Amino acid sequence: IAETLNCRRAYQLSDARKKAMVQDISQEAAAEVISKMYPVCYKWGNSGREAVGFVAQDVRELGERLGMRLAGQEGGFLSLPYGSYDALYAAGIQANQQRIERLKQEVRGLQNGKL
């Protein structure tokens, strides 16, 4: 297993024809996952190479508590599908954008003396 992968583009299969039981991820659930994922910086034990990310054991435990599969296992070691987290980030960003819009409306109301 190599520690480095260099490429210009990486595509992940995402065709609806290959999916079953598709369910929405609520913005609330996404926000909860994102708020509880603990980012760390670390060094790989065998090479000392510096990296940033998450600890798979922590993410797996979080997923189990929330009923989501957030980690996998490969060759006896836990692994994280970092690219799959984009859907969680998108839902979290959408929730934040809605909060921003509500706050803007409140500010406008205060400025106009309506609140």
N, C-alpha and C. Protein backbone atom coordinates (compact mmCIF):
# COMPACT_ATOMS: atom_id res chain seq x y z
N ILE A 1 0.85 -1.18 0.00
CA ILE A 1 0.00 0.00 0.00
C ILE A 1 0.89 1.23 0.00
N ALA A 2 0.66 2.12 -0.93
CA ALA A 2 1.42 3.36 -1.01
C ALA A 2 0.74 4.44 -0.17
N GLU A 3 1.55 5.35 0.38
CA GLU A 3 1.00 6.46 1.17
C GLU A 3 0.58 7.62 0.30
N THR A 4 1.05 7.66 -0.94
CA THR A 4 0.80 8.81 -1.79
C THR A 4 0.11 8.38 -3.07
N LEU A 5 -0.89 9.14 -3.46
CA LEU A 5 -1.56 8.95 -4.74
C LEU A 5 -1.63 10.32 -5.40
N ASN A 6 -1.05 10.44 -6.55
CA ASN A 6 -1.10 11.69 -7.31
C ASN A 6 -1.94 11.47 -8.55
N CYS A 7 -2.90 12.34 -8.74
CA CYS A 7 -3.73 12.26 -9.93
C CYS A 7 -4.37 13.62 -10.18
N ARG A 8 -4.80 13.85 -11.37
CA ARG A 8 -5.45 15.10 -11.70
C ARG A 8 -6.93 15.08 -11.34
N ARG A 9 -7.56 13.94 -11.51
CA ARG A 9 -8.99 13.79 -11.18
C ARG A 9 -9.22 12.38 -10.66
N ALA A 10 -10.14 12.30 -9.73
CA ALA A 10 -10.57 10.99 -9.25
C ALA A 10 -12.10 10.99 -9.27
N TYR A 11 -12.67 10.00 -9.89
CA TYR A 11 -14.11 9.89 -9.97
C TYR A 11 -14.55 8.68 -9.15
N GLN A 12 -15.66 8.83 -8.45
CA GLN A 12 -16.23 7.74 -7.69
C GLN A 12 -17.57 7.39 -8.31
N LEU A 13 -17.81 6.13 -8.57
CA LEU A 13 -19.07 5.70 -9.17
C LEU A 13 -20.23 6.22 -8.32
N SER A 14 -21.22 6.86 -8.97
CA SER A 14 -22.33 7.45 -8.24
C SER A 14 -23.65 7.35 -9.00
N ASP A 15 -23.72 6.50 -9.98
CA ASP A 15 -24.89 6.35 -10.82
C ASP A 15 -26.08 5.81 -10.03
N ALA A 16 -27.24 6.46 -10.17
CA ALA A 16 -28.45 6.05 -9.46
C ALA A 16 -28.83 4.61 -9.78
N ARG A 17 -28.47 4.14 -10.97
CA ARG A 17 -28.82 2.77 -11.36
C ARG A 17 -28.06 1.74 -10.55
N LYS A 18 -27.01 2.13 -9.87
CA LYS A 18 -26.22 1.22 -9.05
C LYS A 18 -26.56 1.33 -7.56
N LYS A 19 -27.55 2.17 -7.22
CA LYS A 19 -27.87 2.44 -5.82
C LYS A 19 -29.23 1.88 -5.46
N ALA A 20 -29.38 1.52 -4.21
CA ALA A 20 -30.66 1.04 -3.68
C ALA A 20 -30.89 1.70 -2.34
N MET A 21 -32.14 1.81 -1.94
CA MET A 21 -32.51 2.36 -0.64
C MET A 21 -31.90 3.75 -0.39
N VAL A 22 -31.97 4.62 -1.37
CA VAL A 22 -31.42 5.97 -1.26
C VAL A 22 -32.29 6.77 -0.28
N GLN A 23 -31.64 7.39 0.70
CA GLN A 23 -32.34 8.18 1.70
C GLN A 23 -31.65 9.52 1.86
N ASP A 24 -32.43 10.55 2.11
CA ASP A 24 -31.86 11.86 2.38
C ASP A 24 -31.10 11.84 3.70
N ILE A 25 -30.06 12.66 3.78
CA ILE A 25 -29.37 12.90 5.04
C ILE A 25 -29.89 14.25 5.52
N SER A 26 -30.52 14.26 6.65
CA SER A 26 -31.07 15.52 7.15
C SER A 26 -29.94 16.49 7.48
N GLN A 27 -30.24 17.76 7.34
CA GLN A 27 -29.24 18.77 7.68
C GLN A 27 -28.87 18.67 9.16
N GLU A 28 -29.82 18.30 9.98
CA GLU A 28 -29.56 18.16 11.41
C GLU A 28 -28.58 17.01 11.68
N ALA A 29 -28.82 15.88 11.02
CA ALA A 29 -27.92 14.73 11.20
C ALA A 29 -26.52 15.05 10.69
N ALA A 30 -26.45 15.70 9.53
CA ALA A 30 -25.15 16.07 8.98
C ALA A 30 -24.40 17.02 9.91
N ALA A 31 -25.13 18.01 10.44
CA ALA A 31 -24.50 18.97 11.35
C ALA A 31 -23.99 18.27 12.60
N GLU A 32 -24.74 17.30 13.09
CA GLU A 32 -24.31 16.56 14.28
C GLU A 32 -23.03 15.77 14.00
N VAL A 33 -22.99 15.08 12.85
CA VAL A 33 -21.79 14.32 12.50
C VAL A 33 -20.59 15.26 12.37
N ILE A 34 -20.77 16.34 11.61
CA ILE A 34 -19.67 17.27 11.38
C ILE A 34 -19.17 17.86 12.69
N SER A 35 -20.09 18.23 13.57
CA SER A 35 -19.68 18.86 14.83
C SER A 35 -18.96 17.89 15.75
N LYS A 36 -19.14 16.59 15.54
CA LYS A 36 -18.52 15.61 16.43
C LYS A 36 -17.32 14.90 15.82
N MET A 37 -17.02 15.20 14.55
CA MET A 37 -15.81 14.65 13.95
C MET A 37 -14.63 15.50 14.44
N TYR A 38 -13.65 14.84 14.99
CA TYR A 38 -12.55 15.54 15.64
C TYR A 38 -11.31 15.52 14.73
N PRO A 39 -11.02 16.65 14.07
CA PRO A 39 -9.85 16.70 13.19
C PRO A 39 -8.54 16.68 13.99
N VAL A 40 -7.57 15.96 13.47
CA VAL A 40 -6.26 15.85 14.14
C VAL A 40 -5.14 15.97 13.11
N CYS A 41 -3.97 16.32 13.61
CA CYS A 41 -2.75 16.18 12.80
C CYS A 41 -1.93 15.09 13.48
N TYR A 42 -1.16 14.36 12.70
CA TYR A 42 -0.45 13.20 13.24
C TYR A 42 0.72 12.85 12.33
N LYS A 43 1.52 11.89 12.78
CA LYS A 43 2.58 11.32 11.96
C LYS A 43 2.29 9.84 11.80
N TRP A 44 2.48 9.35 10.57
CA TRP A 44 2.33 7.92 10.33
C TRP A 44 3.44 7.19 11.07
N GLY A 45 3.06 6.14 11.81
CA GLY A 45 4.01 5.42 12.65
C GLY A 45 5.19 4.82 11.93
N ASN A 46 4.97 4.29 10.73
CA ASN A 46 6.06 3.59 10.04
C ASN A 46 6.99 4.53 9.27
N SER A 47 6.51 5.69 8.86
CA SER A 47 7.34 6.58 8.05
C SER A 47 7.63 7.92 8.72
N GLY A 48 6.82 8.28 9.70
CA GLY A 48 6.97 9.58 10.33
C GLY A 48 6.41 10.72 9.49
N ARG A 49 5.78 10.38 8.37
CA ARG A 49 5.22 11.40 7.48
C ARG A 49 4.04 12.09 8.15
N GLU A 50 4.03 13.42 8.08
CA GLU A 50 2.95 14.20 8.70
C GLU A 50 1.70 14.18 7.85
N ALA A 51 0.56 14.20 8.53
CA ALA A 51 -0.72 14.18 7.83
C ALA A 51 -1.79 14.83 8.71
N VAL A 52 -2.94 15.11 8.11
CA VAL A 52 -4.10 15.60 8.85
C VAL A 52 -5.30 14.73 8.48
N GLY A 53 -6.25 14.64 9.38
CA GLY A 53 -7.44 13.85 9.09
C GLY A 53 -8.20 13.54 10.36
N PHE A 54 -8.73 12.34 10.42
CA PHE A 54 -9.50 11.88 11.57
C PHE A 54 -8.95 10.53 12.00
N VAL A 55 -9.25 10.12 13.23
CA VAL A 55 -8.88 8.80 13.72
C VAL A 55 -10.06 7.87 13.41
N ALA A 56 -9.79 6.83 12.66
CA ALA A 56 -10.87 5.95 12.18
C ALA A 56 -11.69 5.35 13.32
N GLN A 57 -11.04 4.98 14.42
CA GLN A 57 -11.77 4.40 15.54
C GLN A 57 -12.80 5.39 16.09
N ASP A 58 -12.41 6.67 16.18
CA ASP A 58 -13.34 7.69 16.67
C ASP A 58 -14.51 7.87 15.72
N VAL A 59 -14.22 7.89 14.42
CA VAL A 59 -15.27 8.09 13.42
C VAL A 59 -16.20 6.89 13.37
N ARG A 60 -15.64 5.70 13.48
CA ARG A 60 -16.47 4.49 13.49
C ARG A 60 -17.43 4.51 14.68
N GLU A 61 -16.92 4.86 15.86
CA GLU A 61 -17.75 4.94 17.06
C GLU A 61 -18.87 5.97 16.90
N LEU A 62 -18.54 7.12 16.34
CA LEU A 62 -19.54 8.15 16.07
C LEU A 62 -20.62 7.62 15.14
N GLY A 63 -20.19 6.97 14.06
CA GLY A 63 -21.14 6.40 13.11
C GLY A 63 -22.06 5.37 13.75
N GLU A 64 -21.50 4.54 14.61
CA GLU A 64 -22.31 3.53 15.29
C GLU A 64 -23.36 4.19 16.19
N ARG A 65 -22.97 5.25 16.90
CA ARG A 65 -23.92 5.96 17.77
C ARG A 65 -25.04 6.60 16.97
N LEU A 66 -24.72 7.08 15.75
CA LEU A 66 -25.70 7.80 14.94
C LEU A 66 -26.39 6.92 13.90
N GLY A 67 -26.02 5.64 13.84
CA GLY A 67 -26.64 4.74 12.88
C GLY A 67 -26.19 4.97 11.45
N MET A 68 -24.95 5.43 11.27
CA MET A 68 -24.39 5.65 9.93
C MET A 68 -23.09 4.87 9.81
N ARG A 69 -22.83 4.37 8.62
CA ARG A 69 -21.56 3.69 8.38
C ARG A 69 -20.56 4.73 7.88
N LEU A 70 -19.68 5.18 8.77
CA LEU A 70 -18.73 6.23 8.43
C LEU A 70 -17.30 5.72 8.28
N ALA A 71 -17.07 4.44 8.59
CA ALA A 71 -15.73 3.86 8.48
C ALA A 71 -15.84 2.44 7.94
N GLY A 72 -14.76 1.97 7.37
CA GLY A 72 -14.71 0.61 6.85
C GLY A 72 -13.48 -0.10 7.37
N GLN A 73 -13.25 -1.29 6.86
CA GLN A 73 -12.09 -2.06 7.27
C GLN A 73 -11.43 -2.65 6.04
N GLU A 74 -10.12 -2.59 6.03
CA GLU A 74 -9.35 -3.06 4.88
C GLU A 74 -8.06 -3.68 5.38
N GLY A 75 -7.85 -4.93 5.09
CA GLY A 75 -6.60 -5.59 5.49
C GLY A 75 -6.36 -5.59 6.98
N GLY A 76 -7.42 -5.67 7.77
CA GLY A 76 -7.28 -5.70 9.22
C GLY A 76 -7.18 -4.33 9.87
N PHE A 77 -7.17 -3.27 9.07
CA PHE A 77 -7.08 -1.91 9.60
C PHE A 77 -8.34 -1.14 9.22
N LEU A 78 -8.72 -0.19 10.07
CA LEU A 78 -9.87 0.66 9.76
C LEU A 78 -9.49 1.68 8.70
N SER A 79 -10.45 2.03 7.86
CA SER A 79 -10.22 3.03 6.82
C SER A 79 -11.41 3.98 6.79
N LEU A 80 -11.16 5.16 6.24
CA LEU A 80 -12.20 6.19 6.16
C LEU A 80 -12.42 6.58 4.70
N PRO A 81 -13.68 6.62 4.27
CA PRO A 81 -14.00 7.04 2.91
C PRO A 81 -14.13 8.57 2.84
N TYR A 82 -13.00 9.27 2.94
CA TYR A 82 -13.03 10.73 3.02
C TYR A 82 -13.88 11.36 1.93
N GLY A 83 -13.83 10.87 0.72
CA GLY A 83 -14.60 11.44 -0.37
C GLY A 83 -16.10 11.35 -0.16
N SER A 84 -16.54 10.34 0.58
CA SER A 84 -17.97 10.18 0.84
C SER A 84 -18.50 11.21 1.83
N TYR A 85 -17.61 11.83 2.57
CA TYR A 85 -18.05 12.82 3.55
C TYR A 85 -18.53 14.11 2.89
N ASP A 86 -18.27 14.26 1.60
CA ASP A 86 -18.71 15.47 0.89
C ASP A 86 -20.22 15.69 1.04
N ALA A 87 -21.00 14.62 1.04
CA ALA A 87 -22.45 14.76 1.19
C ALA A 87 -22.79 15.34 2.55
N LEU A 88 -22.07 14.93 3.59
CA LEU A 88 -22.29 15.49 4.92
C LEU A 88 -21.90 16.96 4.97
N TYR A 89 -20.75 17.28 4.37
CA TYR A 89 -20.31 18.67 4.34
C TYR A 89 -21.32 19.54 3.59
N ALA A 90 -21.83 19.04 2.47
CA ALA A 90 -22.80 19.80 1.68
C ALA A 90 -24.06 20.08 2.50
N ALA A 91 -24.57 19.08 3.20
CA ALA A 91 -25.77 19.27 4.02
C ALA A 91 -25.49 20.26 5.15
N GLY A 92 -24.31 20.18 5.74
CA GLY A 92 -23.94 21.12 6.79
C GLY A 92 -23.84 22.54 6.27
N ILE A 93 -23.27 22.70 5.10
CA ILE A 93 -23.16 24.03 4.48
C ILE A 93 -24.54 24.57 4.16
N GLN A 94 -25.42 23.72 3.63
CA GLN A 94 -26.79 24.14 3.33
C GLN A 94 -27.50 24.61 4.60
N ALA A 95 -27.33 23.89 5.69
CA ALA A 95 -27.96 24.29 6.95
C ALA A 95 -27.41 25.63 7.41
N ASN A 96 -26.10 25.81 7.31
CA ASN A 96 -25.50 27.09 7.69
C ASN A 96 -25.99 28.22 6.81
N GLN A 97 -26.14 27.95 5.53
CA GLN A 97 -26.63 28.99 4.61
C GLN A 97 -28.05 29.41 4.98
N GLN A 98 -28.88 28.44 5.36
CA GLN A 98 -30.24 28.78 5.79
C GLN A 98 -30.21 29.63 7.06
N ARG A 99 -29.31 29.30 7.99
CA ARG A 99 -29.17 30.10 9.21
C ARG A 99 -28.74 31.52 8.87
N ILE A 100 -27.80 31.64 7.97
CA ILE A 100 -27.33 32.97 7.55
C ILE A 100 -28.46 33.78 6.97
N GLU A 101 -29.27 33.16 6.10
CA GLU A 101 -30.39 33.89 5.49
C GLU A 101 -31.40 34.33 6.55
N ARG A 102 -31.69 33.45 7.54
CA ARG A 102 -32.60 33.83 8.61
C ARG A 102 -32.04 35.00 9.42
N LEU A 103 -30.75 34.96 9.71
CA LEU A 103 -30.12 36.05 10.46
C LEU A 103 -30.13 37.36 9.68
N LYS A 104 -29.92 37.26 8.38
CA LYS A 104 -29.99 38.46 7.53
C LYS A 104 -31.38 39.09 7.61
N GLN A 105 -32.41 38.24 7.56
CA GLN A 105 -33.78 38.75 7.66
C GLN A 105 -34.02 39.41 9.02
N GLU A 106 -33.51 38.80 10.07
CA GLU A 106 -33.66 39.39 11.41
C GLU A 106 -32.96 40.75 11.48
N VAL A 107 -31.77 40.84 10.93
CA VAL A 107 -31.02 42.09 10.93
C VAL A 107 -31.79 43.15 10.16
N ARG A 108 -32.31 42.78 8.98
CA ARG A 108 -33.10 43.73 8.20
C ARG A 108 -34.32 44.22 8.99
N GLY A 109 -34.97 43.28 9.68
CA GLY A 109 -36.12 43.64 10.51
C GLY A 109 -35.73 44.59 11.63
N LEU A 110 -34.59 44.35 12.25
CA LEU A 110 -34.13 45.25 13.31
C LEU A 110 -33.79 46.63 12.74
N GLN A 111 -33.15 46.61 11.58
CA GLN A 111 -32.79 47.88 10.96
C GLN A 111 -34.04 48.69 10.56
N ASN A 112 -35.09 48.00 10.21
CA ASN A 112 -36.33 48.67 9.80
C ASN A 112 -37.28 48.88 10.98
N GLY A 113 -36.84 48.50 12.18
CA GLY A 113 -37.65 48.70 13.37
C GLY A 113 -38.83 47.77 13.46
N LYS A 114 -38.78 46.60 12.79
CA LYS A 114 -39.92 45.69 12.80
C LYS A 114 -39.84 44.65 13.89
N LEU A 115 -38.68 44.50 14.53
CA LEU A 115 -38.57 43.49 15.59
C LEU A 115 -38.38 44.13 16.94
